[in-house]
Amino acid sequence: MSLVLILLGAALVAVALFNKVPRYVPGRPPAPRPGRGSVATARHPGVPPRVRLVSARLTEQGRALLTAVGGSALIVAFFLTLSGV
């Protein structure tokens, strides 16, 4: 339980500090080349899928809320760890 709270709290505080969130960008398959039919030719490679960091566009209230909730989750995780739960 405390490990989940640590991960959740760290993620929320990181978003509040850096104002960035990950976004999945799907890849593109290689473009087919018109022409020779079934002859094996060199194809242009496609773009692999990736994850980019984009702006979270948080207001000051949003950053304060994420920091408060994330910090509280970290504090609760700390005390749960101390109690042995």
PDB file of N, CA and C in Angstrom:
ATOM      1  N   MET A   1       0.818  -1.194   0.000  1.00  0.00           N
ATOM      2  CA  MET A   1       0.000   0.000   0.000  1.00  0.00           C
ATOM      3  C   MET A   1       0.865   1.261   0.000  1.00  0.00           C
ATOM      4  N   SER A   2       1.910   1.218   0.845  1.00  0.00           N
ATOM      5  CA  SER A   2       2.747   2.412   0.929  1.00  0.00           C
ATOM      6  C   SER A   2       3.524   2.631  -0.368  1.00  0.00           C
ATOM      7  N   LEU A   3       3.889   1.548  -1.049  1.00  0.00           N
ATOM      8  CA  LEU A   3       4.599   1.703  -2.322  1.00  0.00           C
ATOM      9  C   LEU A   3       3.715   2.380  -3.367  1.00  0.00           C
ATOM     10  N   VAL A   4       2.449   2.030  -3.392  1.00  0.00           N
ATOM     11  CA  VAL A   4       1.507   2.658  -4.327  1.00  0.00           C
ATOM     12  C   VAL A   4       1.356   4.142  -4.001  1.00  0.00           C
ATOM     13  N   LEU A   5       1.268   4.464  -2.723  1.00  0.00           N
ATOM     14  CA  LEU A   5       1.150   5.866  -2.327  1.00  0.00           C
ATOM     15  C   LEU A   5       2.414   6.654  -2.651  1.00  0.00           C
ATOM     16  N   ILE A   6       3.579   6.025  -2.513  1.00  0.00           N
ATOM     17  CA  ILE A   6       4.832   6.703  -2.862  1.00  0.00           C
ATOM     18  C   ILE A   6       4.857   7.004  -4.356  1.00  0.00           C
ATOM     19  N   LEU A   7       4.494   6.024  -5.179  1.00  0.00           N
ATOM     20  CA  LEU A   7       4.495   6.234  -6.629  1.00  0.00           C
ATOM     21  C   LEU A   7       3.480   7.294  -7.042  1.00  0.00           C
ATOM     22  N   LEU A   8       2.290   7.233  -6.461  1.00  0.00           N
ATOM     23  CA  LEU A   8       1.260   8.214  -6.780  1.00  0.00           C
ATOM     24  C   LEU A   8       1.676   9.611  -6.336  1.00  0.00           C
ATOM     25  N   GLY A   9       2.178   9.737  -5.124  1.00  0.00           N
ATOM     26  CA  GLY A   9       2.598  11.039  -4.612  1.00  0.00           C
ATOM     27  C   GLY A   9       3.756  11.621  -5.405  1.00  0.00           C
ATOM     28  N   ALA A  10       4.733  10.772  -5.755  1.00  0.00           N
ATOM     29  CA  ALA A  10       5.874  11.254  -6.532  1.00  0.00           C
ATOM     30  C   ALA A  10       5.438  11.709  -7.916  1.00  0.00           C
ATOM     31  N   ALA A  11       4.509  10.991  -8.534  1.00  0.00           N
ATOM     32  CA  ALA A  11       4.028  11.383  -9.855  1.00  0.00           C
ATOM     33  C   ALA A  11       3.284  12.719  -9.798  1.00  0.00           C
ATOM     34  N   LEU A  12       2.444  12.896  -8.800  1.00  0.00           N
ATOM     35  CA  LEU A  12       1.690  14.147  -8.682  1.00  0.00           C
ATOM     36  C   LEU A  12       2.607  15.333  -8.398  1.00  0.00           C
ATOM     37  N   VAL A  13       3.578  15.145  -7.535  1.00  0.00           N
ATOM     38  CA  VAL A  13       4.504  16.238  -7.227  1.00  0.00           C
ATOM     39  C   VAL A  13       5.375  16.558  -8.444  1.00  0.00           C
ATOM     40  N   ALA A  14       5.785  15.540  -9.194  1.00  0.00           N
ATOM     41  CA  ALA A  14       6.602  15.779 -10.395  1.00  0.00           C
ATOM     42  C   ALA A  14       5.824  16.567 -11.446  1.00  0.00           C
ATOM     43  N   VAL A  15       4.545  16.237 -11.627  1.00  0.00           N
ATOM     44  CA  VAL A  15       3.725  16.987 -12.582  1.00  0.00           C
ATOM     45  C   VAL A  15       3.580  18.432 -12.129  1.00  0.00           C
ATOM     46  N   ALA A  16       3.395  18.638 -10.835  1.00  0.00           N
ATOM     47  CA  ALA A  16       3.238  20.001 -10.320  1.00  0.00           C
ATOM     48  C   ALA A  16       4.541  20.795 -10.442  1.00  0.00           C
ATOM     49  N   LEU A  17       5.673  20.141 -10.215  1.00  0.00           N
ATOM     50  CA  LEU A  17       6.948  20.861 -10.271  1.00  0.00           C
ATOM     51  C   LEU A  17       7.351  21.227 -11.696  1.00  0.00           C
ATOM     52  N   PHE A  18       7.233  20.262 -12.616  1.00  0.00           N
ATOM     53  CA  PHE A  18       7.747  20.477 -13.968  1.00  0.00           C
ATOM     54  C   PHE A  18       6.684  20.908 -14.971  1.00  0.00           C
ATOM     55  N   ASN A  19       5.406  20.811 -14.598  1.00  0.00           N
ATOM     56  CA  ASN A  19       4.300  21.216 -15.464  1.00  0.00           C
ATOM     57  C   ASN A  19       4.322  20.470 -16.802  1.00  0.00           C
ATOM     58  N   LYS A  20       4.704  19.194 -16.759  1.00  0.00           N
ATOM     59  CA  LYS A  20       4.754  18.345 -17.950  1.00  0.00           C
ATOM     60  C   LYS A  20       4.050  17.030 -17.656  1.00  0.00           C
ATOM     61  N   VAL A  21       3.376  16.487 -18.670  1.00  0.00           N
ATOM     62  CA  VAL A  21       2.753  15.175 -18.574  1.00  0.00           C
ATOM     63  C   VAL A  21       3.169  14.350 -19.789  1.00  0.00           C
ATOM     64  N   PRO A  22       3.241  13.022 -19.628  1.00  0.00           N
ATOM     65  CA  PRO A  22       3.594  12.194 -20.787  1.00  0.00           C
ATOM     66  C   PRO A  22       2.406  12.032 -21.724  1.00  0.00           C
ATOM     67  N   ARG A  23       2.684  12.007 -23.019  1.00  0.00           N
ATOM     68  CA  ARG A  23       1.647  11.769 -24.019  1.00  0.00           C
ATOM     69  C   ARG A  23       2.156  10.725 -25.009  1.00  0.00           C
ATOM     70  N   TYR A  24       1.325   9.730 -25.288  1.00  0.00           N
ATOM     71  CA  TYR A  24       1.677   8.670 -26.224  1.00  0.00           C
ATOM     72  C   TYR A  24       1.476   9.167 -27.654  1.00  0.00           C
ATOM     73  N   VAL A  25       2.504   9.008 -28.472  1.00  0.00           N
ATOM     74  CA  VAL A  25       2.429   9.378 -29.882  1.00  0.00           C
ATOM     75  C   VAL A  25       2.547   8.105 -30.693  1.00  0.00           C
ATOM     76  N   PRO A  26       1.472   7.691 -31.376  1.00  0.00           N
ATOM     77  CA  PRO A  26       1.548   6.443 -32.135  1.00  0.00           C
ATOM     78  C   PRO A  26       2.518   6.578 -33.308  1.00  0.00           C
ATOM     79  N   GLY A  27       3.098   5.459 -33.687  1.00  0.00           N
ATOM     80  CA  GLY A  27       4.042   5.457 -34.798  1.00  0.00           C
ATOM     81  C   GLY A  27       3.329   5.408 -36.138  1.00  0.00           C
ATOM     82  N   ARG A  28       4.108   5.584 -37.180  1.00  0.00           N
ATOM     83  CA  ARG A  28       3.594   5.487 -38.538  1.00  0.00           C
ATOM     84  C   ARG A  28       4.249   4.292 -39.211  1.00  0.00           C
ATOM     85  N   PRO A  29       3.477   3.519 -39.962  1.00  0.00           N
ATOM     86  CA  PRO A  29       4.102   2.423 -40.712  1.00  0.00           C
ATOM     87  C   PRO A  29       4.915   2.988 -41.871  1.00  0.00           C
ATOM     88  N   PRO A  30       5.817   2.179 -42.422  1.00  0.00           N
ATOM     89  CA  PRO A  30       6.594   2.672 -43.565  1.00  0.00           C
ATOM     90  C   PRO A  30       5.678   3.003 -44.737  1.00  0.00           C
ATOM     91  N   ALA A  31       6.005   4.066 -45.440  1.00  0.00           N
ATOM     92  CA  ALA A  31       5.201   4.477 -46.590  1.00  0.00           C
ATOM     93  C   ALA A  31       5.472   3.529 -47.762  1.00  0.00           C
ATOM     94  N   PRO A  32       4.416   3.041 -48.413  1.00  0.00           N
ATOM     95  CA  PRO A  32       4.641   2.171 -49.572  1.00  0.00           C
ATOM     96  C   PRO A  32       5.203   2.981 -50.738  1.00  0.00           C
ATOM     97  N   ARG A  33       6.126   2.382 -51.434  1.00  0.00           N
ATOM     98  CA  ARG A  33       6.722   3.058 -52.581  1.00  0.00           C
ATOM     99  C   ARG A  33       6.022   2.572 -53.845  1.00  0.00           C
ATOM    100  N   PRO A  34       5.492   3.481 -54.620  1.00  0.00           N
ATOM    101  CA  PRO A  34       4.829   3.064 -55.849  1.00  0.00           C
ATOM    102  C   PRO A  34       5.866   2.586 -56.867  1.00  0.00           C
ATOM    103  N   GLY A  35       5.429   1.662 -57.681  1.00  0.00           N
ATOM    104  CA  GLY A  35       6.357   1.313 -58.756  1.00  0.00           C
ATOM    105  C   GLY A  35       6.442  -0.156 -59.063  1.00  0.00           C
ATOM    106  N   ARG A  36       7.462  -0.798 -58.635  1.00  0.00           N
ATOM    107  CA  ARG A  36       7.906  -2.068 -59.181  1.00  0.00           C
ATOM    108  C   ARG A  36       7.127  -3.310 -58.768  1.00  0.00           C
ATOM    109  N   GLY A  37       6.050  -3.219 -58.140  1.00  0.00           N
ATOM    110  CA  GLY A  37       5.260  -4.401 -57.805  1.00  0.00           C
ATOM    111  C   GLY A  37       5.864  -5.191 -56.668  1.00  0.00           C
ATOM    112  N   SER A  38       6.217  -6.461 -56.923  1.00  0.00           N
ATOM    113  CA  SER A  38       6.689  -7.334 -55.859  1.00  0.00           C
ATOM    114  C   SER A  38       8.209  -7.397 -55.752  1.00  0.00           C
ATOM    115  N   VAL A  39       8.913  -6.560 -56.448  1.00  0.00           N
ATOM    116  CA  VAL A  39      10.369  -6.559 -56.362  1.00  0.00           C
ATOM    117  C   VAL A  39      10.775  -5.991 -55.002  1.00  0.00           C
ATOM    118  N   ALA A  40      11.702  -6.686 -54.318  1.00  0.00           N
ATOM    119  CA  ALA A  40      12.147  -6.246 -52.996  1.00  0.00           C
ATOM    120  C   ALA A  40      13.015  -5.000 -53.147  1.00  0.00           C
ATOM    121  N   THR A  41      12.552  -3.914 -52.611  1.00  0.00           N
ATOM    122  CA  THR A  41      13.310  -2.662 -52.656  1.00  0.00           C
ATOM    123  C   THR A  41      13.481  -2.139 -51.242  1.00  0.00           C
ATOM    124  N   ALA A  42      14.408  -1.262 -51.072  1.00  0.00           N
ATOM    125  CA  ALA A  42      14.612  -0.640 -49.761  1.00  0.00           C
ATOM    126  C   ALA A  42      13.432   0.271 -49.464  1.00  0.00           C
ATOM    127  N   ARG A  43      12.852   0.100 -48.298  1.00  0.00           N
ATOM    128  CA  ARG A  43      11.702   0.911 -47.920  1.00  0.00           C
ATOM    129  C   ARG A  43      12.147   1.992 -46.955  1.00  0.00           C
ATOM    130  N   HIS A  44      11.434   3.073 -46.995  1.00  0.00           N
ATOM    131  CA  HIS A  44      11.698   4.118 -46.021  1.00  0.00           C
ATOM    132  C   HIS A  44      11.189   3.641 -44.672  1.00  0.00           C
ATOM    133  N   PRO A  45      11.996   3.761 -43.643  1.00  0.00           N
ATOM    134  CA  PRO A  45      11.543   3.289 -42.336  1.00  0.00           C
ATOM    135  C   PRO A  45      10.407   4.152 -41.798  1.00  0.00           C
ATOM    136  N   GLY A  46       9.533   3.524 -41.048  1.00  0.00           N
ATOM    137  CA  GLY A  46       8.451   4.272 -40.411  1.00  0.00           C
ATOM    138  C   GLY A  46       8.959   4.917 -39.131  1.00  0.00           C
ATOM    139  N   VAL A  47       8.083   5.603 -38.464  1.00  0.00           N
ATOM    140  CA  VAL A  47       8.422   6.250 -37.199  1.00  0.00           C
ATOM    141  C   VAL A  47       7.878   5.360 -36.083  1.00  0.00           C
ATOM    142  N   PRO A  48       8.725   4.912 -35.143  1.00  0.00           N
ATOM    143  CA  PRO A  48       8.239   4.048 -34.067  1.00  0.00           C
ATOM    144  C   PRO A  48       7.380   4.836 -33.067  1.00  0.00           C
ATOM    145  N   PRO A  49       6.499   4.142 -32.361  1.00  0.00           N
ATOM    146  CA  PRO A  49       5.714   4.835 -31.336  1.00  0.00           C
ATOM    147  C   PRO A  49       6.636   5.316 -30.211  1.00  0.00           C
ATOM    148  N   ARG A  50       6.236   6.404 -29.537  1.00  0.00           N
ATOM    149  CA  ARG A  50       7.058   6.956 -28.473  1.00  0.00           C
ATOM    150  C   ARG A  50       6.185   7.725 -27.484  1.00  0.00           C
ATOM    151  N   VAL A  51       6.805   8.111 -26.407  1.00  0.00           N
ATOM    152  CA  VAL A  51       6.142   8.917 -25.381  1.00  0.00           C
ATOM    153  C   VAL A  51       6.875  10.252 -25.313  1.00  0.00           C
ATOM    154  N   ARG A  52       6.120  11.349 -25.431  1.00  0.00           N
ATOM    155  CA  ARG A  52       6.697  12.690 -25.365  1.00  0.00           C
ATOM    156  C   ARG A  52       6.174  13.405 -24.134  1.00  0.00           C
ATOM    157  N   LEU A  53       6.960  14.318 -23.614  1.00  0.00           N
ATOM    158  CA  LEU A  53       6.499  15.164 -22.522  1.00  0.00           C
ATOM    159  C   LEU A  53       5.936  16.445 -23.110  1.00  0.00           C
ATOM    160  N   VAL A  54       4.687  16.732 -22.773  1.00  0.00           N
ATOM    161  CA  VAL A  54       4.033  17.943 -23.264  1.00  0.00           C
ATOM    162  C   VAL A  54       3.581  18.771 -22.063  1.00  0.00           C
ATOM    163  N   SER A  55       3.292  20.015 -22.299  1.00  0.00           N
ATOM    164  CA  SER A  55       2.885  20.921 -21.235  1.00  0.00           C
ATOM    165  C   SER A  55       1.555  20.484 -20.624  1.00  0.00           C
ATOM    166  N   ALA A  56       1.480  20.528 -19.297  1.00  0.00           N
ATOM    167  CA  ALA A  56       0.245  20.154 -18.603  1.00  0.00           C
ATOM    168  C   ALA A  56      -0.744  21.314 -18.548  1.00  0.00           C
ATOM    169  N   ARG A  57      -0.295  22.536 -18.814  1.00  0.00           N
ATOM    170  CA  ARG A  57      -1.119  23.744 -18.793  1.00  0.00           C
ATOM    171  C   ARG A  57      -1.878  23.903 -17.481  1.00  0.00           C
ATOM    172  N   LEU A  58      -1.151  23.771 -16.377  1.00  0.00           N
ATOM    173  CA  LEU A  58      -1.765  23.894 -15.058  1.00  0.00           C
ATOM    174  C   LEU A  58      -1.816  25.356 -14.619  1.00  0.00           C
ATOM    175  N   THR A  59      -2.887  25.704 -13.928  1.00  0.00           N
ATOM    176  CA  THR A  59      -2.960  27.023 -13.301  1.00  0.00           C
ATOM    177  C   THR A  59      -2.228  26.946 -11.962  1.00  0.00           C
ATOM    178  N   GLU A  60      -2.065  28.068 -11.315  1.00  0.00           N
ATOM    179  CA  GLU A  60      -1.406  28.063 -10.003  1.00  0.00           C
ATOM    180  C   GLU A  60      -2.213  27.257  -8.991  1.00  0.00           C
ATOM    181  N   GLN A  61      -3.544  27.337  -9.088  1.00  0.00           N
ATOM    182  CA  GLN A  61      -4.376  26.542  -8.183  1.00  0.00           C
ATOM    183  C   GLN A  61      -4.213  25.052  -8.455  1.00  0.00           C
ATOM    184  N   GLY A  62      -4.103  24.692  -9.726  1.00  0.00           N
ATOM    185  CA  GLY A  62      -3.909  23.286 -10.080  1.00  0.00           C
ATOM    186  C   GLY A  62      -2.574  22.759  -9.590  1.00  0.00           C
ATOM    187  N   ARG A  63      -1.525  23.565  -9.743  1.00  0.00           N
ATOM    188  CA  ARG A  63      -0.208  23.156  -9.253  1.00  0.00           C
ATOM    189  C   ARG A  63      -0.218  23.018  -7.735  1.00  0.00           C
ATOM    190  N   ALA A  64      -0.892  23.948  -7.056  1.00  0.00           N
ATOM    191  CA  ALA A  64      -0.967  23.880  -5.600  1.00  0.00           C
ATOM    192  C   ALA A  64      -1.744  22.639  -5.151  1.00  0.00           C
ATOM    193  N   LEU A  65      -2.820  22.320  -5.857  1.00  0.00           N
ATOM    194  CA  LEU A  65      -3.613  21.142  -5.509  1.00  0.00           C
ATOM    195  C   LEU A  65      -2.813  19.863  -5.704  1.00  0.00           C
ATOM    196  N   LEU A  66      -2.116  19.741  -6.839  1.00  0.00           N
ATOM    197  CA  LEU A  66      -1.321  18.539  -7.083  1.00  0.00           C
ATOM    198  C   LEU A  66      -0.183  18.411  -6.075  1.00  0.00           C
ATOM    199  N   THR A  67       0.429  19.520  -5.719  1.00  0.00           N
ATOM    200  CA  THR A  67       1.502  19.473  -4.726  1.00  0.00           C
ATOM    201  C   THR A  67       0.962  19.051  -3.367  1.00  0.00           C
ATOM    202  N   ALA A  68      -0.180  19.583  -2.982  1.00  0.00           N
ATOM    203  CA  ALA A  68      -0.765  19.251  -1.679  1.00  0.00           C
ATOM    204  C   ALA A  68      -1.192  17.790  -1.615  1.00  0.00           C
ATOM    205  N   VAL A  69      -1.876  17.312  -2.642  1.00  0.00           N
ATOM    206  CA  VAL A  69      -2.349  15.924  -2.642  1.00  0.00           C
ATOM    207  C   VAL A  69      -1.169  14.954  -2.741  1.00  0.00           C
ATOM    208  N   GLY A  70      -0.213  15.265  -3.610  1.00  0.00           N
ATOM    209  CA  GLY A  70       0.954  14.399  -3.737  1.00  0.00           C
ATOM    210  C   GLY A  70       1.797  14.375  -2.482  1.00  0.00           C
ATOM    211  N   GLY A  71       2.006  15.528  -1.883  1.00  0.00           N
ATOM    212  CA  GLY A  71       2.766  15.583  -0.635  1.00  0.00           C
ATOM    213  C   GLY A  71       2.060  14.857   0.495  1.00  0.00           C
ATOM    214  N   SER A  72       0.752  14.976   0.545  1.00  0.00           N
ATOM    215  CA  SER A  72      -0.012  14.259   1.572  1.00  0.00           C
ATOM    216  C   SER A  72       0.092  12.753   1.378  1.00  0.00           C
ATOM    217  N   ALA A  73       0.053  12.307   0.130  1.00  0.00           N
ATOM    218  CA  ALA A  73       0.199  10.872  -0.145  1.00  0.00           C
ATOM    219  C   ALA A  73       1.578  10.385   0.291  1.00  0.00           C
ATOM    220  N   LEU A  74       2.614  11.194   0.067  1.00  0.00           N
ATOM    221  CA  LEU A  74       3.954  10.815   0.504  1.00  0.00           C
ATOM    222  C   LEU A  74       4.061  10.761   2.027  1.00  0.00           C
ATOM    223  N   ILE A  75       3.423  11.690   2.712  1.00  0.00           N
ATOM    224  CA  ILE A  75       3.451  11.695   4.175  1.00  0.00           C
ATOM    225  C   ILE A  75       2.714  10.483   4.731  1.00  0.00           C
ATOM    226  N   VAL A  76       1.558  10.171   4.175  1.00  0.00           N
ATOM    227  CA  VAL A  76       0.799   8.991   4.621  1.00  0.00           C
ATOM    228  C   VAL A  76       1.604   7.729   4.361  1.00  0.00           C
ATOM    229  N   ALA A  77       2.255   7.633   3.210  1.00  0.00           N
ATOM    230  CA  ALA A  77       3.083   6.462   2.898  1.00  0.00           C
ATOM    231  C   ALA A  77       4.229   6.336   3.904  1.00  0.00           C
ATOM    232  N   PHE A  78       4.821   7.457   4.290  1.00  0.00           N
ATOM    233  CA  PHE A  78       5.901   7.427   5.265  1.00  0.00           C
ATOM    234  C   PHE A  78       5.424   6.847   6.592  1.00  0.00           C
ATOM    235  N   PHE A  79       4.279   7.326   7.078  1.00  0.00           N
ATOM    236  CA  PHE A  79       3.785   6.846   8.361  1.00  0.00           C
ATOM    237  C   PHE A  79       3.270   5.414   8.279  1.00  0.00           C
ATOM    238  N   LEU A  80       2.723   5.013   7.133  1.00  0.00           N
ATOM    239  CA  LEU A  80       2.333   3.615   6.977  1.00  0.00           C
ATOM    240  C   LEU A  80       3.552   2.704   6.996  1.00  0.00           C
ATOM    241  N   THR A  81       4.628   3.154   6.405  1.00  0.00           N
ATOM    242  CA  THR A  81       5.862   2.377   6.415  1.00  0.00           C
ATOM    243  C   THR A  81       6.415   2.257   7.841  1.00  0.00           C
ATOM    244  N   LEU A  82       6.356   3.342   8.598  1.00  0.00           N
ATOM    245  CA  LEU A  82       6.824   3.295   9.979  1.00  0.00           C
ATOM    246  C   LEU A  82       5.998   2.351  10.834  1.00  0.00           C
ATOM    247  N   SER A  83       4.691   2.299  10.554  1.00  0.00           N
ATOM    248  CA  SER A  83       3.828   1.439  11.372  1.00  0.00           C
ATOM    249  C   SER A  83       3.900  -0.020  10.938  1.00  0.00           C
ATOM    250  N   GLY A  84       4.499  -0.280   9.782  1.00  0.00           N
ATOM    251  CA  GLY A  84       4.658  -1.663   9.338  1.00  0.00           C
ATOM    252  C   GLY A  84       3.485  -2.201   8.538  1.00  0.00           C
ATOM    253  N   VAL A  85       2.633  -1.358   8.059  1.00  0.00           N
ATOM    254  CA  VAL A  85       1.470  -1.804   7.278  1.00  0.00           C
ATOM    255  C   VAL A  85       1.841  -1.946   5.832  1.00  0.00           C
TER     256      VAL A  85
END
